[in-house]
């Protein structure tokens, strides 16, 4: 396998837009001395405090230092910019200042290199446009039918007490295999699932080299396994074997603007990254929605009534009708509830970038080379954007009138700008189909006083698996 070499580090030549592979040097302590913040403990800085409780750490830093602060963690300085205005500046990136590749690179370079999230500017635009064919209406209609069949078959067997997170995680992997790969994973399913788990956990492992017996080594080995699997599959599709309407077939035959096929390694890297994103982020967000509906039974019933009205309810045999592709847009309350779940428990709690050039924000000059980022979780709870009841589950925050009145970048679970999540409509579709099948069959309940502890990073999940009871209607 080719070595994943990073572009060379160079000094910043001017304030002109640098080439896509430019890597400016990191600013030293003196260059960041004017920015409030703290270094933390010797050698490790705030790494362990951050990883132990990133939410509490983020709030403490924000309340202590304000919307611009620096923090030493994971081997270097990071500057956080908090608030909707910061989100807009970084995500829109009108002056091409912020590198997503170099922001995510230190965390994901060994695990998900060359995925769309790790590409910048023109290179990103070209590949994103080629891959977007997989999310056009006709392929999405095909995915919707496959999702409805798979979800109906699995959910029909759920009843009584259960752990929701592992169940939906397995179902999401099975659905990804069908929609993305065009067939089941068979005996490879456990190994594929473990590979994704190891890669995601390795992304925040304190030891950043793949030394024996470390989480990073397990993550790198998981990537190697998936690269071999997806490389074989790409060649098979291009030879005409198993070619269909699934996402992998779309990627394997995707054509760039110059008429060329995507290179095989590009197909593999994009597939690897998008499978992870679809698998783990949808698992997290579906779990948070189910938890919040169980806590708020009045909202659960409102969604159920909307679903029954849109689908027509169970057929003559008592089998629930799924939500047809053309009817998904009518599930407005379901979508608002999902958006509110994403506000309260965003599947990607923070987004990093690296400044290729110096810039100013709220009176601070941030030098070129600085690792910068914004905190999705904190922004989603700022009273200036959401009022004084930020912890309450209220889907009506997302009525068209309230959305229009609020800053456009106060809600950013899917990112924004050129790097807006390519699969966001796929996520909406899968969750709406899941809710249509689940809420027509069961009432979701949790024990009085139950409140699971959530693992906040790298992708939120309930530590106990989320104990729920599904009571047949």
Protein backbone atom coordinates (compact mmCIF):
# COMPACT_ATOMS: atom_id res chain seq x y z
CA UNK A 1 0.00 0.00 0.00
CA UNK A 2 1.30 3.46 -0.85
CA UNK A 3 2.67 5.57 1.98
CA UNK A 4 0.31 8.35 3.02
CA UNK A 5 2.80 11.20 2.85
CA UNK A 6 1.72 14.70 3.83
CA UNK A 7 2.70 17.70 1.66
CA UNK A 8 5.89 19.45 2.81
CA UNK A 9 5.71 22.20 5.39
CA UNK A 10 6.74 25.58 4.00
CA UNK A 11 6.80 29.10 5.33
CA UNK A 12 3.87 31.32 4.43
CA UNK A 13 5.09 33.41 1.45
CA UNK A 14 2.46 36.16 1.23
CA UNK A 15 -1.17 36.77 2.00
CA UNK A 16 -2.14 35.55 -1.46
CA UNK A 17 -4.25 32.39 -1.75
CA UNK A 18 -1.75 29.50 -1.49
CA UNK A 19 -1.86 26.38 -3.65
CA UNK A 20 -4.02 23.52 -2.41
CA UNK A 21 -1.04 21.52 -1.09
CA UNK A 22 0.52 24.41 0.81
CA UNK A 23 1.38 23.62 4.42
CA UNK A 24 2.39 26.64 6.45
CA UNK A 25 4.34 26.21 9.66
CA UNK A 26 2.58 26.19 13.01
CA UNK A 27 2.69 29.50 14.90
CA UNK A 28 4.78 29.54 18.05
CA UNK A 29 3.74 30.64 21.53
CA UNK A 30 4.69 34.26 20.88
CA UNK A 31 2.50 34.46 17.76
CA UNK A 32 -0.52 33.39 19.81
CA UNK A 33 0.34 35.22 23.04
CA UNK A 34 -2.39 37.83 22.49
CA UNK A 35 -5.16 35.20 22.36
CA UNK A 36 -6.65 34.23 25.74
CA UNK A 37 -6.50 30.60 26.82
CA UNK A 38 -4.27 28.09 28.57
CA UNK A 39 -1.59 25.50 27.94
CA UNK A 40 -2.57 23.09 30.70
CA UNK A 41 -0.30 20.39 32.12
CA UNK A 42 3.35 19.95 31.08
CA UNK A 43 3.82 17.91 27.87
CA UNK A 44 0.19 16.76 27.51
CA UNK A 45 -1.49 20.15 27.90
CA UNK A 46 -5.27 19.78 28.17
CA UNK A 47 -5.45 16.56 26.15
CA UNK A 48 -6.78 14.31 28.90
CA UNK A 49 -9.12 16.95 30.31
CA UNK A 50 -10.54 17.49 26.83
CA UNK A 51 -10.99 13.79 26.08
CA UNK A 52 -12.44 13.03 29.52
CA UNK A 53 -15.31 15.52 29.15
CA UNK A 54 -15.13 17.66 25.99
CA UNK A 55 -18.52 19.27 26.67
CA UNK A 56 -17.66 20.50 30.17
CA UNK A 57 -14.20 21.52 28.99
CA UNK A 58 -15.62 23.53 26.08
CA UNK A 59 -18.13 25.34 28.31
CA UNK A 60 -15.45 26.17 30.88
CA UNK A 61 -13.12 27.61 28.25
CA UNK A 62 -15.91 29.63 26.62
CA UNK A 63 -17.20 31.04 29.90
CA UNK A 64 -13.69 31.82 31.10
CA UNK A 65 -12.15 33.28 27.96
CA UNK A 66 -15.02 34.22 25.64
CA UNK A 67 -15.81 33.33 22.00
CA UNK A 68 -12.12 33.27 20.94
CA UNK A 69 -9.71 31.18 22.99
CA UNK A 70 -6.66 28.97 22.61
CA UNK A 71 -6.05 25.54 24.06
CA UNK A 72 -3.06 23.21 23.97
CA UNK A 73 -4.16 19.60 23.32
CA UNK A 74 -3.19 16.60 21.18
CA UNK A 75 0.28 18.00 20.57
CA UNK A 76 -0.35 21.63 19.66
CA UNK A 77 -2.25 24.88 19.97
CA UNK A 78 -5.85 25.09 18.78
CA UNK A 79 -7.90 28.27 18.55
CA UNK A 80 -11.66 27.91 19.03
CA UNK A 81 -14.10 30.38 17.49
CA UNK A 82 -17.56 30.08 19.06
CA UNK A 83 -20.88 31.28 17.63
CA UNK A 84 -22.95 31.40 14.47
CA UNK A 85 -20.83 34.20 12.95
CA UNK A 86 -17.69 32.09 13.33
CA UNK A 87 -19.47 29.10 11.80
CA UNK A 88 -20.46 31.17 8.78
CA UNK A 89 -17.00 32.65 8.30
CA UNK A 90 -15.29 29.25 8.41
CA UNK A 91 -17.86 27.23 6.47
CA UNK A 92 -18.51 29.73 3.69
CA UNK A 93 -14.78 30.50 3.47
CA UNK A 94 -15.27 33.13 0.79
CA UNK A 95 -11.54 33.98 0.72
CA UNK A 96 -10.33 30.34 0.75
CA UNK A 97 -8.49 30.75 4.03
CA UNK A 98 -9.48 27.54 5.82
CA UNK A 99 -8.19 24.07 4.93
CA UNK A 100 -10.46 21.17 5.83
CA UNK A 101 -7.79 18.72 4.71
CA UNK A 102 -5.19 20.14 7.09
CA UNK A 103 -7.75 20.62 9.85
CA UNK A 104 -8.92 17.01 9.88
CA UNK A 105 -5.57 15.61 8.72
CA UNK A 106 -3.85 15.24 12.12
CA UNK A 107 -6.86 13.27 13.36
CA UNK A 108 -7.92 11.30 10.28
CA UNK A 109 -4.91 11.20 7.93
CA UNK A 110 -3.99 7.60 8.74
CA UNK A 111 -7.61 6.44 8.85
CA UNK A 112 -9.75 8.22 6.23
CA UNK A 113 -7.27 9.93 3.86
CA UNK A 114 -8.58 11.57 0.70
CA UNK A 115 -12.22 11.37 1.74
CA UNK A 116 -14.29 14.39 0.71
CA UNK A 117 -13.87 15.92 4.16
CA UNK A 118 -10.08 15.80 3.70
CA UNK A 119 -10.05 17.64 0.36
CA UNK A 120 -9.91 21.35 -0.38
CA UNK A 121 -11.00 23.83 -3.01
CA UNK A 122 -10.86 22.71 -6.65
CA UNK A 123 -9.88 19.10 -5.93
CA UNK A 124 -12.79 18.84 -3.53
CA UNK A 125 -15.20 20.48 -6.00
CA UNK A 126 -14.28 18.12 -8.85
CA UNK A 127 -14.64 14.92 -6.85
CA UNK A 128 -17.76 16.10 -5.02
CA UNK A 129 -19.43 16.86 -8.34
CA UNK A 130 -18.52 13.41 -9.69
CA UNK A 131 -19.86 11.68 -6.56
CA UNK A 132 -23.06 13.72 -6.41
CA UNK A 133 -24.56 11.48 -9.12
CA UNK A 134 -25.15 8.89 -6.37
CA UNK A 135 -27.55 11.28 -4.61
CA UNK A 136 -29.72 12.29 -7.57
CA UNK A 137 -33.48 11.58 -7.39
CA UNK A 138 -33.51 8.23 -9.20
CA UNK A 139 -30.76 6.59 -7.13
CA UNK A 140 -32.34 8.05 -3.98
CA UNK A 141 -35.70 6.54 -4.97
CA UNK A 142 -33.94 3.16 -5.29
CA UNK A 143 -32.26 3.56 -1.89
CA UNK A 144 -35.59 4.51 -0.29
CA UNK A 145 -37.25 1.30 -1.44
CA UNK A 146 -34.32 -0.77 -0.18
CA UNK A 147 -34.30 1.07 3.15
CA UNK A 148 -38.03 0.54 3.67
CA UNK A 149 -37.78 -3.20 2.98
CA UNK A 150 -34.79 -3.66 5.25
CA UNK A 151 -36.15 -1.56 8.11
CA UNK A 152 -39.62 -3.16 7.98
CA UNK A 153 -38.13 -6.66 8.07
CA UNK A 154 -35.91 -5.93 11.07
CA UNK A 155 -38.18 -3.65 13.12
CA UNK A 156 -41.04 -6.17 12.91
CA UNK A 157 -39.00 -8.42 15.20
CA UNK A 158 -38.28 -5.77 17.81
CA UNK A 159 -40.51 -5.82 20.88
CA UNK A 160 -40.25 -5.58 24.64
CA UNK A 161 -37.09 -4.54 26.50
CA UNK A 162 -34.04 -3.95 24.33
CA UNK A 163 -30.81 -2.02 23.94
CA UNK A 164 -31.52 0.31 21.07
CA UNK A 165 -28.03 1.50 20.14
CA UNK A 166 -26.46 -1.88 19.23
CA UNK A 167 -29.66 -2.91 17.44
CA UNK A 168 -29.81 0.22 15.28
CA UNK A 169 -26.06 0.10 14.68
CA UNK A 170 -26.34 -3.41 13.22
CA UNK A 171 -29.41 -2.42 11.22
CA UNK A 172 -27.69 0.70 9.88
CA UNK A 173 -24.70 -1.39 8.76
CA UNK A 174 -27.02 -3.87 7.04
CA UNK A 175 -28.88 -1.00 5.34
CA UNK A 176 -25.61 0.56 4.22
CA UNK A 177 -24.59 -2.77 2.73
CA UNK A 178 -27.81 -2.90 0.74
CA UNK A 179 -28.01 0.73 -0.36
CA UNK A 180 -24.27 1.31 -0.74
CA UNK A 181 -23.03 -2.08 -1.91
CA UNK A 182 -26.16 -3.59 -3.45
CA UNK A 183 -26.25 -6.69 -1.28
CA UNK A 184 -25.75 -8.14 2.16
CA UNK A 185 -22.34 -8.38 3.80
CA UNK A 186 -22.81 -12.01 4.74
CA UNK A 187 -20.10 -13.51 6.97
CA UNK A 188 -17.91 -10.38 6.52
CA UNK A 189 -20.41 -8.18 8.43
CA UNK A 190 -18.86 -8.49 11.94
CA UNK A 191 -15.36 -7.78 10.64
CA UNK A 192 -16.53 -4.79 8.59
CA UNK A 193 -18.41 -3.39 11.57
CA UNK A 194 -15.40 -3.84 13.85
CA UNK A 195 -13.15 -2.14 11.29
CA UNK A 196 -15.36 0.96 11.32
CA UNK A 197 -15.53 0.94 15.13
CA UNK A 198 -11.74 0.69 15.41
CA UNK A 199 -11.16 3.48 12.88
CA UNK A 200 -13.56 5.91 14.57
CA UNK A 201 -12.16 5.21 18.05
CA UNK A 202 -8.59 5.60 16.75
CA UNK A 203 -9.43 9.10 15.52
CA UNK A 204 -9.26 10.43 19.10
CA UNK A 205 -6.72 8.00 20.54
CA UNK A 206 -4.04 9.83 22.61
CA UNK A 207 -1.26 7.76 20.99
CA UNK A 208 -1.16 8.98 17.39
CA UNK A 209 1.20 6.35 15.94
CA UNK A 210 0.16 2.78 15.05
CA UNK A 211 2.34 1.12 17.67
CA UNK A 212 1.60 -2.52 18.56
CA UNK A 213 -1.46 -3.07 20.79
CA UNK A 214 -2.63 0.55 20.48
CA UNK A 215 -6.04 1.78 19.34
CA UNK A 216 -4.35 3.56 16.43
CA UNK A 217 -2.84 0.25 15.28
CA UNK A 218 -6.28 -1.35 15.38
CA UNK A 219 -7.69 1.56 13.41
CA UNK A 220 -4.97 1.40 10.76
CA UNK A 221 -5.47 -2.37 10.45
CA UNK A 222 -9.21 -1.82 10.05
CA UNK A 223 -8.56 0.65 7.23
CA UNK A 224 -6.19 -1.81 5.50
CA UNK A 225 -8.87 -4.51 5.59
CA UNK A 226 -11.53 -2.22 4.11
CA UNK A 227 -9.18 -0.84 1.43
CA UNK A 228 -8.48 -4.39 0.21
CA UNK A 229 -12.19 -5.26 0.28
CA UNK A 230 -13.34 -2.13 -1.56
CA UNK A 231 -10.49 -2.29 -4.11
CA UNK A 232 -11.54 -5.79 -5.15
CA UNK A 233 -15.15 -4.66 -5.30
CA UNK A 234 -14.33 -1.61 -7.47
CA UNK A 235 -12.53 -3.76 -10.04
CA UNK A 236 -15.43 -6.22 -9.99
CA UNK A 237 -17.98 -3.46 -10.67
CA UNK A 238 -15.92 -1.98 -13.46
CA UNK A 239 -15.77 -5.41 -15.05
CA UNK A 240 -19.58 -5.40 -15.10
CA UNK A 241 -20.08 -7.85 -12.24
CA UNK A 242 -22.78 -6.87 -9.79
CA UNK A 243 -23.25 -3.46 -11.39
CA UNK A 244 -26.55 -1.94 -10.27
CA UNK A 245 -28.19 1.16 -8.80
CA UNK A 246 -26.38 0.97 -5.48
CA UNK A 247 -24.01 3.72 -4.36
CA UNK A 248 -20.84 1.71 -4.96
CA UNK A 249 -21.83 1.14 -8.58
CA UNK A 250 -22.48 4.88 -8.92
CA UNK A 251 -19.04 5.72 -7.48
CA UNK A 252 -17.20 3.04 -9.46
CA UNK A 253 -18.56 4.47 -12.73
CA UNK A 254 -18.48 8.16 -11.71
CA UNK A 255 -16.87 10.41 -14.30
CA UNK A 256 -14.98 13.64 -13.67
CA UNK A 257 -15.52 16.78 -15.73
CA UNK A 258 -12.73 15.79 -18.14
CA UNK A 259 -14.51 12.51 -18.93
CA UNK A 260 -12.15 10.30 -16.91
CA UNK A 261 -13.21 7.72 -14.38
CA UNK A 262 -12.29 8.36 -10.76
CA UNK A 263 -9.05 6.48 -9.97
CA UNK A 264 -9.64 3.19 -8.16
CA UNK A 265 -7.96 4.41 -4.98
CA UNK A 266 -10.19 7.53 -5.03
CA UNK A 267 -13.32 5.37 -5.31
CA UNK A 268 -12.08 3.24 -2.40
CA UNK A 269 -11.24 6.21 -0.17
CA UNK A 270 -14.53 7.97 -0.87
CA UNK A 271 -16.49 4.79 -0.25
CA UNK A 272 -14.62 4.07 2.96
CA UNK A 273 -15.28 7.56 4.30
CA UNK A 274 -18.95 7.75 3.27
CA UNK A 275 -19.73 4.28 4.60
CA UNK A 276 -18.29 5.34 7.96
CA UNK A 277 -20.20 8.62 7.92
CA UNK A 278 -23.50 6.99 6.99
CA UNK A 279 -23.00 4.09 9.39
CA UNK A 280 -21.91 5.88 12.55
CA UNK A 281 -23.51 9.32 12.29
CA UNK A 282 -26.96 7.98 11.37
CA UNK A 283 -26.68 5.41 14.16
CA UNK A 284 -25.91 8.21 16.62
CA UNK A 285 -28.62 10.59 15.40
CA UNK A 286 -31.34 7.92 15.19
CA UNK A 287 -30.49 6.86 18.75
CA UNK A 288 -30.70 10.42 20.05
CA UNK A 289 -34.09 10.91 18.35
CA UNK A 290 -35.50 7.69 19.84
CA UNK A 291 -34.23 8.69 23.30
CA UNK A 292 -35.79 12.15 23.06
CA UNK A 293 -39.13 10.77 21.81
CA UNK A 294 -39.18 8.28 24.67
CA UNK A 295 -38.58 11.17 27.10
CA UNK A 296 -41.26 13.28 25.42
CA UNK A 297 -44.24 10.96 24.76
CA UNK A 298 -46.49 13.85 23.72
CA UNK A 299 -44.15 14.58 20.80
CA UNK A 300 -43.89 10.88 20.01
CA UNK A 301 -47.68 10.77 19.64
CA UNK A 302 -47.74 13.88 17.43
CA UNK A 303 -45.22 12.28 15.09
CA UNK A 304 -47.20 9.03 15.09
CA UNK A 305 -50.38 10.82 14.05
CA UNK A 306 -48.58 12.63 11.23
CA UNK A 307 -47.10 9.35 9.98
CA UNK A 308 -50.51 7.64 10.03
CA UNK A 309 -52.03 10.52 8.11
CA UNK A 310 -49.31 10.47 5.44
CA UNK A 311 -49.02 6.68 5.00
CA UNK A 312 -52.69 5.84 5.45
CA UNK A 313 -51.90 3.58 8.40
CA UNK A 314 -51.64 -0.23 8.40
CA UNK A 315 -53.12 -2.20 5.53
CA UNK A 316 -56.00 -4.70 5.79
CA UNK A 317 -53.69 -7.32 7.29
CA UNK A 318 -52.49 -4.89 9.97
CA UNK A 319 -49.05 -4.44 8.43
CA UNK A 320 -47.82 -0.82 8.61
CA UNK A 321 -47.40 0.91 5.28
CA UNK A 322 -43.97 2.41 4.75
CA UNK A 323 -43.38 6.04 3.82
CA UNK A 324 -43.16 6.22 0.02
CA UNK A 325 -40.32 8.26 -1.45
CA UNK A 326 -42.69 10.88 -2.87
CA UNK A 327 -44.38 11.28 0.54
CA UNK A 328 -41.25 11.83 2.62
CA UNK A 329 -41.46 15.60 2.21
CA UNK A 330 -44.89 15.54 3.90
CA UNK A 331 -43.40 14.27 7.18
CA UNK A 332 -42.75 17.80 8.37
CA UNK A 333 -43.03 17.19 12.12
CA UNK A 334 -40.76 14.14 11.85
CA UNK A 335 -38.16 16.29 10.12
CA UNK A 336 -38.45 19.04 12.72
CA UNK A 337 -38.07 16.51 15.54
CA UNK A 338 -35.00 15.03 13.85
CA UNK A 339 -33.48 18.50 13.47
CA UNK A 340 -34.10 19.21 17.16
CA UNK A 341 -32.40 15.91 18.08
CA UNK A 342 -29.43 16.94 15.93
CA UNK A 343 -29.36 20.27 17.75
CA UNK A 344 -29.27 18.68 21.20
CA UNK A 345 -26.91 15.80 20.34
CA UNK A 346 -25.01 16.65 17.13
CA UNK A 347 -23.27 13.55 15.71
CA UNK A 348 -20.12 15.58 14.94
CA UNK A 349 -19.68 17.84 17.99
CA UNK A 350 -16.86 20.00 16.59
CA UNK A 351 -15.26 20.77 13.22
CA UNK A 352 -11.55 21.61 12.74
CA UNK A 353 -9.84 23.67 10.06
CA UNK A 354 -6.34 25.10 9.52
CA UNK A 355 -5.71 28.70 8.52
CA UNK A 356 -3.65 28.88 5.33
CA UNK A 357 -3.43 32.65 5.74
CA UNK A 358 -3.76 35.03 8.65
CA UNK A 359 -7.22 36.48 9.33
CA UNK A 360 -9.08 38.57 11.90
CA UNK A 361 -12.09 37.68 14.02
CA UNK A 362 -13.66 39.74 16.83
CA UNK A 363 -10.58 41.93 17.09
CA UNK A 364 -8.05 39.08 17.22
CA UNK A 365 -5.53 38.45 14.46
CA UNK A 366 -5.14 34.70 13.96
CA UNK A 367 -1.80 33.89 12.27
CA UNK A 368 -1.34 31.61 9.27
CA UNK A 369 -0.84 27.97 10.21
CA UNK A 370 -3.14 28.07 13.25
CA UNK A 371 -5.33 25.07 13.93
CA UNK A 372 -8.79 26.60 14.27
CA UNK A 373 -12.27 25.19 14.67
CA UNK A 374 -15.78 25.74 15.91
CA UNK A 375 -17.83 23.88 18.46
CA UNK A 376 -21.15 22.63 17.06
CA UNK A 377 -22.39 21.47 20.47
CA UNK A 378 -21.83 24.83 22.15
CA UNK A 379 -23.33 26.84 19.29
CA UNK A 380 -26.45 24.68 19.40
CA UNK A 381 -26.96 25.72 23.05
CA UNK A 382 -26.12 29.41 23.00
CA UNK A 383 -29.04 31.37 24.44
CA UNK A 384 -28.42 34.22 22.01
CA UNK A 385 -29.53 31.87 19.22
CA UNK A 386 -31.97 29.53 21.00
CA UNK A 387 -33.46 31.37 23.96
CA UNK A 388 -33.28 30.48 27.66
CA UNK A 389 -34.76 26.97 27.36
CA UNK A 390 -31.90 25.48 25.35
CA UNK A 391 -32.08 22.06 27.04
CA UNK A 392 -35.77 21.54 26.24
CA UNK A 393 -36.76 19.28 23.35
CA UNK A 394 -38.90 21.52 21.15
CA UNK A 395 -39.19 20.57 17.46
CA UNK A 396 -41.18 23.75 16.82
CA UNK A 397 -37.86 25.61 16.88
CA UNK A 398 -37.69 24.49 13.25
CA UNK A 399 -40.87 25.94 11.87
CA UNK A 400 -40.13 27.97 8.71
CA UNK A 401 -40.83 31.22 10.56
CA UNK A 402 -38.39 30.48 13.40
CA UNK A 403 -35.71 29.21 11.04
CA UNK A 404 -35.98 32.39 8.99
CA UNK A 405 -35.66 34.57 12.11
CA UNK A 406 -32.57 32.76 13.39
CA UNK A 407 -28.98 33.11 12.18
CA UNK A 408 -28.51 30.67 9.30
CA UNK A 409 -25.39 29.19 10.87
CA UNK A 410 -26.73 28.73 14.39
CA UNK A 411 -27.60 25.11 13.43
CA UNK A 412 -24.78 23.26 11.66
CA UNK A 413 -24.91 19.48 12.31
CA UNK A 414 -24.22 18.87 8.59
CA UNK A 415 -21.60 21.59 8.24
CA UNK A 416 -22.19 24.09 5.46
CA UNK A 417 -20.76 25.82 2.42
CA UNK A 418 -18.71 23.76 -0.02
CA UNK A 419 -18.29 21.03 2.62
CA UNK A 420 -21.98 20.64 3.44
CA UNK A 421 -22.55 16.92 4.08
CA UNK A 422 -23.12 15.23 0.72
CA UNK A 423 -25.39 12.61 2.30
CA UNK A 424 -27.64 14.85 4.39
CA UNK A 425 -30.77 14.04 2.34
CA UNK A 426 -29.93 10.35 2.63
CA UNK A 427 -29.84 10.79 6.42
CA UNK A 428 -33.22 12.55 6.46
CA UNK A 429 -34.67 9.83 4.26
CA UNK A 430 -33.40 6.93 6.36
CA UNK A 431 -34.56 8.41 9.66
CA UNK A 432 -38.03 9.27 8.30
CA UNK A 433 -38.45 5.74 6.95
CA UNK A 434 -37.26 4.31 10.28
CA UNK A 435 -39.73 6.46 12.25
CA UNK A 436 -42.58 5.51 9.89
CA UNK A 437 -42.00 1.81 10.54
CA UNK A 438 -41.19 2.11 14.25
CA UNK A 439 -43.93 4.49 15.42
CA UNK A 440 -46.72 2.67 13.57
CA UNK A 441 -45.82 -0.50 15.45
CA UNK A 442 -44.71 0.52 18.93
CA UNK A 443 -44.86 3.01 21.75
CA UNK A 444 -41.29 3.78 22.83
CA UNK A 445 -40.89 3.95 26.62
CA UNK A 446 -38.09 4.28 29.16
CA UNK A 447 -38.10 3.69 32.91
CA UNK A 448 -39.02 6.60 35.18
CA UNK A 449 -35.94 8.64 36.01
CA UNK A 450 -33.77 6.85 33.47
CA UNK A 451 -31.05 9.07 32.00
CA UNK A 452 -28.25 7.33 30.11
CA UNK A 453 -24.74 8.76 30.20
CA UNK A 454 -23.56 9.70 26.74
CA UNK A 455 -20.05 9.20 25.41
CA UNK A 456 -19.57 12.57 23.70
CA UNK A 457 -16.60 11.85 21.41
CA UNK A 458 -15.74 11.00 18.68
CA UNK A 459 -19.38 10.31 17.76
CA UNK A 460 -21.96 10.48 20.59
CA UNK A 461 -23.51 7.28 21.88
CA UNK A 462 -25.18 6.12 25.12
CA UNK A 463 -22.65 4.21 27.20
CA UNK A 464 -25.24 1.64 28.33
CA UNK A 465 -26.68 1.07 24.84
CA UNK A 466 -29.95 2.97 25.61
CA UNK A 467 -32.44 0.82 27.49
CA UNK A 468 -35.90 1.16 25.99
CA UNK A 469 -39.15 -0.79 25.94
CA UNK A 470 -41.12 -1.18 22.72
CA UNK A 471 -44.79 -1.77 23.50
CA UNK A 472 -46.89 -2.97 20.52
CA UNK A 473 -49.77 -0.63 19.69
